[in-house]
C-alpha atoms as a PDB file:
ATOM      1  CA  UNK A   1      14.566 113.583  23.748  1.00  0.00           C
ATOM      2  CA  UNK A   2      13.238 110.487  26.040  1.00  0.00           C
ATOM      3  CA  UNK A   3       9.633 109.261  25.911  1.00  0.00           C
ATOM      4  CA  UNK A   4       9.017 110.346  29.294  1.00  0.00           C
ATOM      5  CA  UNK A   5      10.040 113.530  28.537  1.00  0.00           C
ATOM      6  CA  UNK A   6       8.013 113.931  25.417  1.00  0.00           C
ATOM      7  CA  UNK A   7       5.019 113.126  26.804  1.00  0.00           C
ATOM      8  CA  UNK A   8       5.977 115.579  29.949  1.00  0.00           C
ATOM      9  CA  UNK A   9       5.886 118.354  27.270  1.00  0.00           C
ATOM     10  CA  UNK A  10       2.913 117.218  25.624  1.00  0.00           C
ATOM     11  CA  UNK A  11       0.961 117.309  28.978  1.00  0.00           C
ATOM     12  CA  UNK A  12       2.425 120.899  29.671  1.00  0.00           C
ATOM     13  CA  UNK A  13       1.157 122.157  26.279  1.00  0.00           C
ATOM     14  CA  UNK A  14      -1.940 120.985  26.451  1.00  0.00           C
ATOM     15  CA  UNK A  15      -2.405 122.175  29.851  1.00  0.00           C
ATOM     16  CA  UNK A  16      -1.604 125.477  28.389  1.00  0.00           C
ATOM     17  CA  UNK A  17      -3.522 125.263  25.418  1.00  0.00           C
ATOM     18  CA  UNK A  18      -6.480 124.591  27.475  1.00  0.00           C
ATOM     19  CA  UNK A  19      -6.019 127.202  29.957  1.00  0.00           C
ATOM     20  CA  UNK A  20      -5.836 129.785  27.323  1.00  0.00           C
ATOM     21  CA  UNK A  21      -9.072 128.348  25.897  1.00  0.00           C
ATOM     22  CA  UNK A  22     -10.862 129.078  29.080  1.00  0.00           C
ATOM     23  CA  UNK A  23      -9.516 132.980  29.234  1.00  0.00           C
ATOM     24  CA  UNK A  24     -10.561 133.123  25.236  1.00  0.00           C
ATOM     25  CA  UNK A  25     -14.149 132.098  26.257  1.00  0.00           C
ATOM     26  CA  UNK A  26     -14.427 134.642  28.981  1.00  0.00           C
ATOM     27  CA  UNK A  27     -13.476 137.294  26.263  1.00  0.00           C
ATOM     28  CA  UNK A  28     -15.488 136.525  23.575  1.00  0.00           C
ATOM     29  CA  UNK A  29     -18.521 136.589  26.096  1.00  0.00           C
ATOM     30  CA  UNK A  30     -17.369 140.189  27.578  1.00  0.00           C
ATOM     31  CA  UNK A  31     -17.101 141.088  23.453  1.00  0.00           C
ATOM     32  CA  UNK A  32     -20.070 139.432  21.965  1.00  0.00           C
ATOM     33  CA  UNK A  33     -22.200 140.718  25.263  1.00  0.00           C
ATOM     34  CA  UNK A  34     -21.198 144.308  23.471  1.00  0.00           C
ATOM     35  CA  UNK A  35     -22.030 143.375  19.857  1.00  0.00           C
ATOM     36  CA  UNK A  36     -18.262 143.136  19.044  1.00  0.00           C
ATOM     37  CA  UNK A  37     -17.167 140.927  16.557  1.00  0.00           C
ATOM     38  CA  UNK A  38     -13.908 139.533  17.152  1.00  0.00           C
ATOM     39  CA  UNK A  39     -11.440 137.163  15.331  1.00  0.00           C
ATOM     40  CA  UNK A  40      -8.657 134.605  16.811  1.00  0.00           C
ATOM     41  CA  UNK A  41      -5.005 134.636  14.858  1.00  0.00           C
ATOM     42  CA  UNK A  42      -2.044 132.262  14.388  1.00  0.00           C
ATOM     43  CA  UNK A  43      -1.320 130.518  17.527  1.00  0.00           C
ATOM     44  CA  UNK A  44      -4.843 128.566  17.911  1.00  0.00           C
ATOM     45  CA  UNK A  45      -6.018 128.602  15.129  1.00  0.00           C
ATOM     46  CA  UNK A  46      -3.210 126.870  13.593  1.00  0.00           C
ATOM     47  CA  UNK A  47      -2.906 124.778  16.628  1.00  0.00           C
ATOM     48  CA  UNK A  48      -6.365 123.533  16.201  1.00  0.00           C
ATOM     49  CA  UNK A  49      -6.896 123.481  12.302  1.00  0.00           C
ATOM     50  CA  UNK A  50      -3.776 122.793  10.741  1.00  0.00           C
ATOM     51  CA  UNK A  51      -1.334 120.962  12.697  1.00  0.00           C
ATOM     52  CA  UNK A  52      -2.210 117.348  13.556  1.00  0.00           C
ATOM     53  CA  UNK A  53      -2.266 117.754  17.318  1.00  0.00           C
ATOM     54  CA  UNK A  54      -2.245 120.764  19.105  1.00  0.00           C
ATOM     55  CA  UNK A  55       0.502 120.128  21.497  1.00  0.00           C
ATOM     56  CA  UNK A  56       2.375 120.425  17.972  1.00  0.00           C
ATOM     57  CA  UNK A  57       1.898 124.169  17.761  1.00  0.00           C
ATOM     58  CA  UNK A  58       3.465 126.226  21.406  1.00  0.00           C
ATOM     59  CA  UNK A  59       1.856 129.023  21.714  1.00  0.00           C
ATOM     60  CA  UNK A  60       2.498 132.063  24.359  1.00  0.00           C
ATOM     61  CA  UNK A  61      -0.235 134.336  24.027  1.00  0.00           C
ATOM     62  CA  UNK A  62      -3.545 135.010  22.394  1.00  0.00           C
ATOM     63  CA  UNK A  63      -3.903 137.439  19.164  1.00  0.00           C
ATOM     64  CA  UNK A  64      -7.229 138.698  19.517  1.00  0.00           C
ATOM     65  CA  UNK A  65      -8.380 140.815  16.108  1.00  0.00           C
ATOM     66  CA  UNK A  66     -11.162 143.015  16.371  1.00  0.00           C
ATOM     67  CA  UNK A  67     -12.323 145.948  14.030  1.00  0.00           C
ATOM     68  CA  UNK A  68     -10.606 149.168  14.441  1.00  0.00           C
ATOM     69  CA  UNK A  69     -14.062 151.161  15.349  1.00  0.00           C
ATOM     70  CA  UNK A  70     -14.568 148.506  17.996  1.00  0.00           C
ATOM     71  CA  UNK A  71     -11.047 149.020  19.429  1.00  0.00           C
ATOM     72  CA  UNK A  72     -11.509 151.251  22.193  1.00  0.00           C
ATOM     73  CA  UNK A  73     -14.576 149.736  23.377  1.00  0.00           C
ATOM     74  CA  UNK A  74     -13.056 146.301  23.184  1.00  0.00           C
ATOM     75  CA  UNK A  75     -10.096 147.355  25.506  1.00  0.00           C
ATOM     76  CA  UNK A  76     -12.479 149.304  27.990  1.00  0.00           C
ATOM     77  CA  UNK A  77     -14.260 146.391  28.695  1.00  0.00           C
ATOM     78  CA  UNK A  78     -11.020 144.095  29.278  1.00  0.00           C
ATOM     79  CA  UNK A  79      -9.873 146.887  31.671  1.00  0.00           C
ATOM     80  CA  UNK A  80     -13.051 147.057  33.342  1.00  0.00           C
ATOM     81  CA  UNK A  81     -12.538 143.204  33.510  1.00  0.00           C
ATOM     82  CA  UNK A  82      -9.787 143.203  35.468  1.00  0.00           C
ATOM     83  CA  UNK A  83      -7.211 142.751  32.296  1.00  0.00           C
ATOM     84  CA  UNK A  84      -4.204 145.194  32.986  1.00  0.00           C
ATOM     85  CA  UNK A  85      -2.774 146.895  29.856  1.00  0.00           C
ATOM     86  CA  UNK A  86       0.770 146.415  29.706  1.00  0.00           C
ATOM     87  CA  UNK A  87       1.761 149.329  27.259  1.00  0.00           C
ATOM     88  CA  UNK A  88       0.340 152.512  29.333  1.00  0.00           C
ATOM     89  CA  UNK A  89       3.121 154.790  27.897  1.00  0.00           C
ATOM     90  CA  UNK A  90       2.737 158.068  28.925  1.00  0.00           C
ATOM     91  CA  UNK A  91       5.371 159.401  27.241  1.00  0.00           C
ATOM     92  CA  UNK A  92       3.883 158.345  23.619  1.00  0.00           C
ATOM     93  CA  UNK A  93       0.650 159.175  24.241  1.00  0.00           C
ATOM     94  CA  UNK A  94       0.275 160.101  20.223  1.00  0.00           C
ATOM     95  CA  UNK A  95       2.116 156.401  19.102  1.00  0.00           C
ATOM     96  CA  UNK A  96      -0.269 154.576  21.741  1.00  0.00           C
ATOM     97  CA  UNK A  97      -3.316 155.451  19.762  1.00  0.00           C
ATOM     98  CA  UNK A  98      -1.663 154.559  16.279  1.00  0.00           C
ATOM     99  CA  UNK A  99      -0.186 151.071  17.169  1.00  0.00           C
ATOM    100  CA  UNK A 100      -1.644 148.259  16.151  1.00  0.00           C
ATOM    101  CA  UNK A 101      -2.464 146.074  19.340  1.00  0.00           C
ATOM    102  CA  UNK A 102      -2.371 146.614  23.095  1.00  0.00           C
ATOM    103  CA  UNK A 103      -1.191 143.810  25.198  1.00  0.00           C
ATOM    104  CA  UNK A 104      -3.189 143.107  27.973  1.00  0.00           C
ATOM    105  CA  UNK A 105      -2.654 140.194  31.299  1.00  0.00           C
ATOM    106  CA  UNK A 106      -5.174 138.039  32.707  1.00  0.00           C
ATOM    107  CA  UNK A 107      -5.451 138.169  36.328  1.00  0.00           C
ATOM    108  CA  UNK A 108      -4.344 134.316  36.032  1.00  0.00           C
ATOM    109  CA  UNK A 109      -0.913 135.475  33.971  1.00  0.00           C
ATOM    110  CA  UNK A 110      -2.107 135.090  30.632  1.00  0.00           C
ATOM    111  CA  UNK A 111      -0.911 137.440  27.703  1.00  0.00           C
ATOM    112  CA  UNK A 112      -3.654 138.356  25.475  1.00  0.00           C
ATOM    113  CA  UNK A 113      -2.556 141.050  22.811  1.00  0.00           C
ATOM    114  CA  UNK A 114      -5.671 142.924  21.102  1.00  0.00           C
ATOM    115  CA  UNK A 115      -5.437 143.689  17.835  1.00  0.00           C
ATOM    116  CA  UNK A 116      -7.229 146.308  15.426  1.00  0.00           C
ATOM    117  CA  UNK A 117      -4.970 145.344  12.489  1.00  0.00           C
ATOM    118  CA  UNK A 118      -1.522 144.186  11.889  1.00  0.00           C
ATOM    119  CA  UNK A 119       0.873 146.967  11.366  1.00  0.00           C
ATOM    120  CA  UNK A 120       0.593 150.300  12.955  1.00  0.00           C
ATOM    121  CA  UNK A 121       0.616 153.344  11.112  1.00  0.00           C
ATOM    122  CA  UNK A 122      -1.454 152.116   8.408  1.00  0.00           C
ATOM    123  CA  UNK A 123       1.455 150.267   7.257  1.00  0.00           C
ATOM    124  CA  UNK A 124      -0.025 147.460   5.233  1.00  0.00           C
ATOM    125  CA  UNK A 125      -3.654 148.887   4.918  1.00  0.00           C
ATOM    126  CA  UNK A 126      -6.450 146.178   5.292  1.00  0.00           C
ATOM    127  CA  UNK A 127      -9.684 146.274   4.724  1.00  0.00           C
ATOM    128  CA  UNK A 128     -11.225 144.073   7.783  1.00  0.00           C
ATOM    129  CA  UNK A 129     -14.479 144.725   7.462  1.00  0.00           C
ATOM    130  CA  UNK A 130     -13.904 141.917   3.947  1.00  0.00           C
ATOM    131  CA  UNK A 131     -11.727 140.516   6.248  1.00  0.00           C
ATOM    132  CA  UNK A 132     -13.967 139.549   8.718  1.00  0.00           C
ATOM    133  CA  UNK A 133     -17.405 138.457   6.425  1.00  0.00           C
ATOM    134  CA  UNK A 134     -14.161 135.660   4.932  1.00  0.00           C
ATOM    135  CA  UNK A 135     -13.833 134.493   8.611  1.00  0.00           C
ATOM    136  CA  UNK A 136     -14.420 130.730   9.193  1.00  0.00           C
ATOM    137  CA  UNK A 137     -15.304 128.755  11.894  1.00  0.00           C
ATOM    138  CA  UNK A 138     -13.494 126.498  13.938  1.00  0.00           C
ATOM    139  CA  UNK A 139     -13.379 124.618  17.228  1.00  0.00           C
ATOM    140  CA  UNK A 140     -10.814 125.775  19.808  1.00  0.00           C
ATOM    141  CA  UNK A 141     -10.614 123.004  21.910  1.00  0.00           C
ATOM    142  CA  UNK A 142     -14.696 123.013  22.926  1.00  0.00           C
ATOM    143  CA  UNK A 143     -15.133 126.738  22.587  1.00  0.00           C
ATOM    144  CA  UNK A 144     -16.625 128.041  19.283  1.00  0.00           C
ATOM    145  CA  UNK A 145     -14.172 130.497  17.616  1.00  0.00           C
ATOM    146  CA  UNK A 146     -13.863 132.978  13.790  1.00  0.00           C
ATOM    147  CA  UNK A 147     -10.491 132.134  12.689  1.00  0.00           C
ATOM    148  CA  UNK A 148      -9.135 134.049   9.049  1.00  0.00           C
ATOM    149  CA  UNK A 149      -9.790 132.713   5.848  1.00  0.00           C
ATOM    150  CA  UNK A 150      -6.984 130.597   4.183  1.00  0.00           C
ATOM    151  CA  UNK A 151      -5.932 132.950   2.011  1.00  0.00           C
ATOM    152  CA  UNK A 152      -5.759 135.696   4.790  1.00  0.00           C
ATOM    153  CA  UNK A 153      -4.007 133.480   6.959  1.00  0.00           C
ATOM    154  CA  UNK A 154      -1.588 133.162   5.094  1.00  0.00           C
ATOM    155  CA  UNK A 155      -1.226 136.839   4.258  1.00  0.00           C
ATOM    156  CA  UNK A 156      -0.966 137.514   7.806  1.00  0.00           C
ATOM    157  CA  UNK A 157       1.723 135.250   8.450  1.00  0.00           C
ATOM    158  CA  UNK A 158       3.407 136.505   6.005  1.00  0.00           C
ATOM    159  CA  UNK A 159       2.815 139.965   7.520  1.00  0.00           C
ATOM    160  CA  UNK A 160       3.774 138.914  11.094  1.00  0.00           C
ATOM    161  CA  UNK A 161       7.029 138.036   9.878  1.00  0.00           C
ATOM    162  CA  UNK A 162       7.815 140.467   7.495  1.00  0.00           C
ATOM    163  CA  UNK A 163       6.486 143.526  10.213  1.00  0.00           C
ATOM    164  CA  UNK A 164       9.477 142.182  12.382  1.00  0.00           C
ATOM    165  CA  UNK A 165      11.481 142.679   9.570  1.00  0.00           C
ATOM    166  CA  UNK A 166      12.530 139.010   9.785  1.00  0.00           C
ATOM    167  CA  UNK A 167      14.082 139.803  12.796  1.00  0.00           C
ATOM    168  CA  UNK A 168      11.672 139.269  15.922  1.00  0.00           C
ATOM    169  CA  UNK A 169      10.512 135.336  14.688  1.00  0.00           C
ATOM    170  CA  UNK A 170      11.313 132.245  15.650  1.00  0.00           C
ATOM    171  CA  UNK A 171      11.353 128.828  13.274  1.00  0.00           C
ATOM    172  CA  UNK A 172       7.982 128.094  14.130  1.00  0.00           C
ATOM    173  CA  UNK A 173       6.461 130.914  11.948  1.00  0.00           C
ATOM    174  CA  UNK A 174       8.488 129.406   9.040  1.00  0.00           C
ATOM    175  CA  UNK A 175       7.279 125.790   9.201  1.00  0.00           C
ATOM    176  CA  UNK A 176       3.668 127.582   9.711  1.00  0.00           C
ATOM    177  CA  UNK A 177       3.528 128.938   6.348  1.00  0.00           C
ATOM    178  CA  UNK A 178       4.955 125.411   5.351  1.00  0.00           C
ATOM    179  CA  UNK A 179       2.146 123.515   7.244  1.00  0.00           C
ATOM    180  CA  UNK A 180      -0.450 125.480   6.079  1.00  0.00           C
ATOM    181  CA  UNK A 181       0.484 125.394   2.452  1.00  0.00           C
ATOM    182  CA  UNK A 182       0.421 121.537   2.568  1.00  0.00           C
ATOM    183  CA  UNK A 183      -2.889 121.102   4.696  1.00  0.00           C
ATOM    184  CA  UNK A 184      -4.889 123.577   3.178  1.00  0.00           C
ATOM    185  CA  UNK A 185      -6.065 123.900  -0.505  1.00  0.00           C
ATOM    186  CA  UNK A 186      -4.613 127.722  -1.094  1.00  0.00           C
ATOM    187  CA  UNK A 187      -6.221 129.566  -3.667  1.00  0.00           C
ATOM    188  CA  UNK A 188      -3.521 131.129  -5.191  1.00  0.00           C
ATOM    189  CA  UNK A 189      -4.672 134.162  -7.306  1.00  0.00           C
ATOM    190  CA  UNK A 190      -6.942 135.117  -3.928  1.00  0.00           C
ATOM    191  CA  UNK A 191      -3.659 135.431  -1.791  1.00  0.00           C
ATOM    192  CA  UNK A 192      -1.814 137.212  -4.386  1.00  0.00           C
ATOM    193  CA  UNK A 193      -4.750 140.117  -4.492  1.00  0.00           C
ATOM    194  CA  UNK A 194      -4.559 139.785  -0.209  1.00  0.00           C
ATOM    195  CA  UNK A 195      -1.336 140.660  -0.907  1.00  0.00           C
ATOM    196  CA  UNK A 196      -1.785 143.537  -3.412  1.00  0.00           C
ATOM    197  CA  UNK A 197      -4.202 145.034  -1.115  1.00  0.00           C
ATOM    198  CA  UNK A 198      -1.543 145.051   1.976  1.00  0.00           C
ATOM    199  CA  UNK A 199       1.192 146.062   0.113  1.00  0.00           C
ATOM    200  CA  UNK A 200       3.096 143.018   1.073  1.00  0.00           C
ATOM    201  CA  UNK A 201       4.058 141.255  -2.049  1.00  0.00           C
ATOM    202  CA  UNK A 202       7.793 141.566  -1.082  1.00  0.00           C
ATOM    203  CA  UNK A 203       7.288 140.212   2.163  1.00  0.00           C
ATOM    204  CA  UNK A 204       5.193 137.063   1.011  1.00  0.00           C
ATOM    205  CA  UNK A 205       8.397 136.736  -1.598  1.00  0.00           C
ATOM    206  CA  UNK A 206      10.847 136.521   1.065  1.00  0.00           C
ATOM    207  CA  UNK A 207       8.700 134.710   3.465  1.00  0.00           C
ATOM    208  CA  UNK A 208       7.641 132.162   0.939  1.00  0.00           C
ATOM    209  CA  UNK A 209      11.235 131.609  -0.867  1.00  0.00           C
ATOM    210  CA  UNK A 210      12.283 130.607   3.089  1.00  0.00           C
ATOM    211  CA  UNK A 211      10.091 128.419   3.018  1.00  0.00           C
ATOM    212  CA  UNK A 212      10.707 126.697   0.085  1.00  0.00           C
ATOM    213  CA  UNK A 213      14.363 126.606   0.848  1.00  0.00           C
ATOM    214  CA  UNK A 214      14.269 125.312   4.567  1.00  0.00           C
ATOM    215  CA  UNK A 215      11.001 123.152   4.378  1.00  0.00           C
ATOM    216  CA  UNK A 216      10.977 122.234   0.775  1.00  0.00           C
ATOM    217  CA  UNK A 217       7.363 123.982   0.865  1.00  0.00           C
ATOM    218  CA  UNK A 218       5.279 123.458  -2.776  1.00  0.00           C
ATOM    219  CA  UNK A 219       4.915 126.640  -3.796  1.00  0.00           C
ATOM    220  CA  UNK A 220       3.814 127.635  -7.816  1.00  0.00           C
ATOM    221  CA  UNK A 221       6.338 129.145  -9.964  1.00  0.00           C
ATOM    222  CA  UNK A 222       3.620 131.260 -11.200  1.00  0.00           C
ATOM    223  CA  UNK A 223       3.153 132.874  -7.504  1.00  0.00           C
ATOM    224  CA  UNK A 224       6.301 133.776  -6.582  1.00  0.00           C
ATOM    225  CA  UNK A 225       6.985 135.575 -10.339  1.00  0.00           C
ATOM    226  CA  UNK A 226       3.817 137.681  -9.445  1.00  0.00           C
ATOM    227  CA  UNK A 227       5.274 138.525  -6.351  1.00  0.00           C
ATOM    228  CA  UNK A 228       8.865 138.917  -7.168  1.00  0.00           C
ATOM    229  CA  UNK A 229      10.574 142.411  -6.160  1.00  0.00           C
ATOM    230  CA  UNK A 230      11.664 144.498  -8.867  1.00  0.00           C
ATOM    231  CA  UNK A 231      15.974 143.726  -9.506  1.00  0.00           C
ATOM    232  CA  UNK A 232      16.820 146.839  -7.572  1.00  0.00           C
ATOM    233  CA  UNK A 233      14.945 146.356  -4.838  1.00  0.00           C
ATOM    234  CA  UNK A 234      15.628 142.092  -4.425  1.00  0.00           C
ATOM    235  CA  UNK A 235      19.571 143.453  -4.455  1.00  0.00           C
ATOM    236  CA  UNK A 236      19.201 145.403  -1.390  1.00  0.00           C
ATOM    237  CA  UNK A 237      16.887 142.795   0.346  1.00  0.00           C
ATOM    238  CA  UNK A 238      19.098 140.274  -0.390  1.00  0.00           C
ATOM    239  CA  UNK A 239      21.768 141.799   1.036  1.00  0.00           C
ATOM    240  CA  UNK A 240      20.489 141.305   4.352  1.00  0.00           C
ATOM    241  CA  UNK A 241      18.384 138.725   4.064  1.00  0.00           C
ATOM    242  CA  UNK A 242      18.940 134.772   3.682  1.00  0.00           C
ATOM    243  CA  UNK A 243      16.179 132.423   3.344  1.00  0.00           C
ATOM    244  CA  UNK A 244      18.221 129.159   3.759  1.00  0.00           C
ATOM    245  CA  UNK A 245      18.919 130.180   7.005  1.00  0.00           C
ATOM    246  CA  UNK A 246      17.992 130.930  10.504  1.00  0.00           C
ATOM    247  CA  UNK A 247      18.379 133.721  11.373  1.00  0.00           C
ATOM    248  CA  UNK A 248      16.868 135.061   7.878  1.00  0.00           C
ATOM    249  CA  UNK A 249      18.081 138.267   8.567  1.00  0.00           C
ATOM    250  CA  UNK A 250      22.034 138.144   7.992  1.00  0.00           C
ATOM    251  CA  UNK A 251      23.330 140.590  10.885  1.00  0.00           C
ATOM    252  CA  UNK A 252      21.110 139.574  13.584  1.00  0.00           C
ATOM    253  CA  UNK A 253      23.449 139.807  15.893  1.00  0.00           C
ATOM    254  CA  UNK A 254      23.787 144.467  15.571  1.00  0.00           C
ATOM    255  CA  UNK A 255      19.940 144.268  16.795  1.00  0.00           C
ATOM    256  CA  UNK A 256      16.875 145.303  15.834  1.00  0.00           C
ATOM    257  CA  UNK A 257      17.092 148.666  15.291  1.00  0.00           C
ATOM    258  CA  UNK A 258      19.564 147.682  12.618  1.00  0.00           C
ATOM    259  CA  UNK A 259      16.780 145.871  10.951  1.00  0.00           C
ATOM    260  CA  UNK A 260      14.511 148.372  11.439  1.00  0.00           C
ATOM    261  CA  UNK A 261      16.226 151.102   9.661  1.00  0.00           C
ATOM    262  CA  UNK A 262      17.461 149.010   6.219  1.00  0.00           C
ATOM    263  CA  UNK A 263      14.140 147.247   5.598  1.00  0.00           C
ATOM    264  CA  UNK A 264      10.931 148.801   7.105  1.00  0.00           C
ATOM    265  CA  UNK A 265      10.922 151.082   3.318  1.00  0.00           C
ATOM    266  CA  UNK A 266      12.046 148.367   1.297  1.00  0.00           C
ATOM    267  CA  UNK A 267       9.583 145.991   2.576  1.00  0.00           C
ATOM    268  CA  UNK A 268       6.870 147.951   1.644  1.00  0.00           C
ATOM    269  CA  UNK A 269       5.359 147.844  -1.636  1.00  0.00           C
ATOM    270  CA  UNK A 270       5.595 150.932  -3.969  1.00  0.00           C
ATOM    271  CA  UNK A 271       7.997 153.541  -4.008  1.00  0.00           C
ATOM    272  CA  UNK A 272       5.043 155.847  -3.891  1.00  0.00           C
ATOM    273  CA  UNK A 273       3.550 154.415  -0.444  1.00  0.00           C
ATOM    274  CA  UNK A 274       7.294 155.211   1.244  1.00  0.00           C
ATOM    275  CA  UNK A 275       6.490 159.121   1.636  1.00  0.00           C
ATOM    276  CA  UNK A 276       2.896 159.122   3.037  1.00  0.00           C
ATOM    277  CA  UNK A 277       3.986 156.599   5.746  1.00  0.00           C
ATOM    278  CA  UNK A 278       7.078 158.803   6.394  1.00  0.00           C
ATOM    279  CA  UNK A 279       5.183 161.830   6.943  1.00  0.00           C
ATOM    280  CA  UNK A 280       2.865 159.863   8.838  1.00  0.00           C
ATOM    281  CA  UNK A 281       5.486 158.221  11.306  1.00  0.00           C
ATOM    282  CA  UNK A 282       7.271 161.524  11.220  1.00  0.00           C
ATOM    283  CA  UNK A 283       3.576 163.206  11.922  1.00  0.00           C
ATOM    284  CA  UNK A 284       3.078 160.893  15.183  1.00  0.00           C
ATOM    285  CA  UNK A 285       6.871 161.009  16.862  1.00  0.00           C
ATOM    286  CA  UNK A 286       6.927 164.282  16.966  1.00  0.00           C
ATOM    287  CA  UNK A 287       2.735 164.566  18.628  1.00  0.00           C
ATOM    288  CA  UNK A 288       4.545 162.638  21.051  1.00  0.00           C
ATOM    289  CA  UNK A 289       7.237 165.422  21.872  1.00  0.00           C
ATOM    290  CA  UNK A 290       4.086 167.931  22.039  1.00  0.00           C
ATOM    291  CA  UNK A 291       1.993 165.715  24.446  1.00  0.00           C
ATOM    292  CA  UNK A 292       4.832 165.495  26.795  1.00  0.00           C
ATOM    293  CA  UNK A 293       3.904 169.131  28.009  1.00  0.00           C
ATOM    294  CA  UNK A 294       1.607 168.316  30.488  1.00  0.00           C
ATOM    295  CA  UNK A 295      -0.973 170.685  29.451  1.00  0.00           C
ATOM    296  CA  UNK A 296      -1.446 169.462  26.332  1.00  0.00           C
ATOM    297  CA  UNK A 297      -1.213 165.700  27.292  1.00  0.00           C
ATOM    298  CA  UNK A 298      -4.234 166.183  29.652  1.00  0.00           C
ATOM    299  CA  UNK A 299      -6.411 167.450  26.476  1.00  0.00           C
ATOM    300  CA  UNK A 300      -5.265 164.540  24.535  1.00  0.00           C
ATOM    301  CA  UNK A 301      -5.928 161.786  27.337  1.00  0.00           C
ATOM    302  CA  UNK A 302      -9.605 163.516  27.859  1.00  0.00           C
ATOM    303  CA  UNK A 303      -9.900 163.407  23.538  1.00  0.00           C
ATOM    304  CA  UNK A 304      -8.831 160.178  23.616  1.00  0.00           C
ATOM    305  CA  UNK A 305     -11.219 158.835  26.762  1.00  0.00           C
ATOM    306  CA  UNK A 306     -14.080 160.423  24.945  1.00  0.00           C
ATOM    307  CA  UNK A 307     -14.114 158.040  22.309  1.00  0.00           C
ATOM    308  CA  UNK A 308     -14.171 155.030  24.424  1.00  0.00           C
END
């Protein structure tokens, strides 16, 4: 790549970073005025605290986390301030109340994902009050912001990869793990504890294995041993995941549904958690069918709107 082209790419990345910072400042002010704390996730936090220069970590949206009890109010505030909801799916009203985030578009075209958790249907439960209490302050350009504490940050990056079944990801997501581990002092016991809390030990094992295989990331052997899945689970997952290559999902050309059907349960720690999760999915999908009856759908929307 020529020096001139490289310079132009840096300028474009910095300009986008500044545009997102501006819209984040607006959102933060709107929510904080109503007493709603928020955490800025992923790209901007990585770009401004872990990478050497913000332009080294390009991102295309803002991921903003609020506590579940604040979610409806935060969504209403965005709607009242001319942010457009992109996921208003009238055919899946129950699913909308269970998804981990809603997507909004600002008037100037920036994509914002408002999160109330990291995975839908409580697949990977999190004590968000504790995660908020541990949050760290950082400067998003000229704007003070909150980001996840280091071990929470690493766990979330792994969850982001795993919830997508190692399919809807980019190489930068594996690189993020490598850079964070190299640049921050990781409290590995605390990280393992977060993985246990979120039932994501299996996901973390494969994420860290991918970082080690692709970037030679220094991960202590004791950590991998603590995360190591049982042999029967590992045998199944190794059939579908190749941590040494990208795409990691071996059957990438078969589509995301192929990955979803084969990996959703095996990536969820504890066979005892499978039945409750399947029950939740079945209940929500069934309720979606019922709510397509106009009368029931109107009553449900009225119930949901009353909570906002």
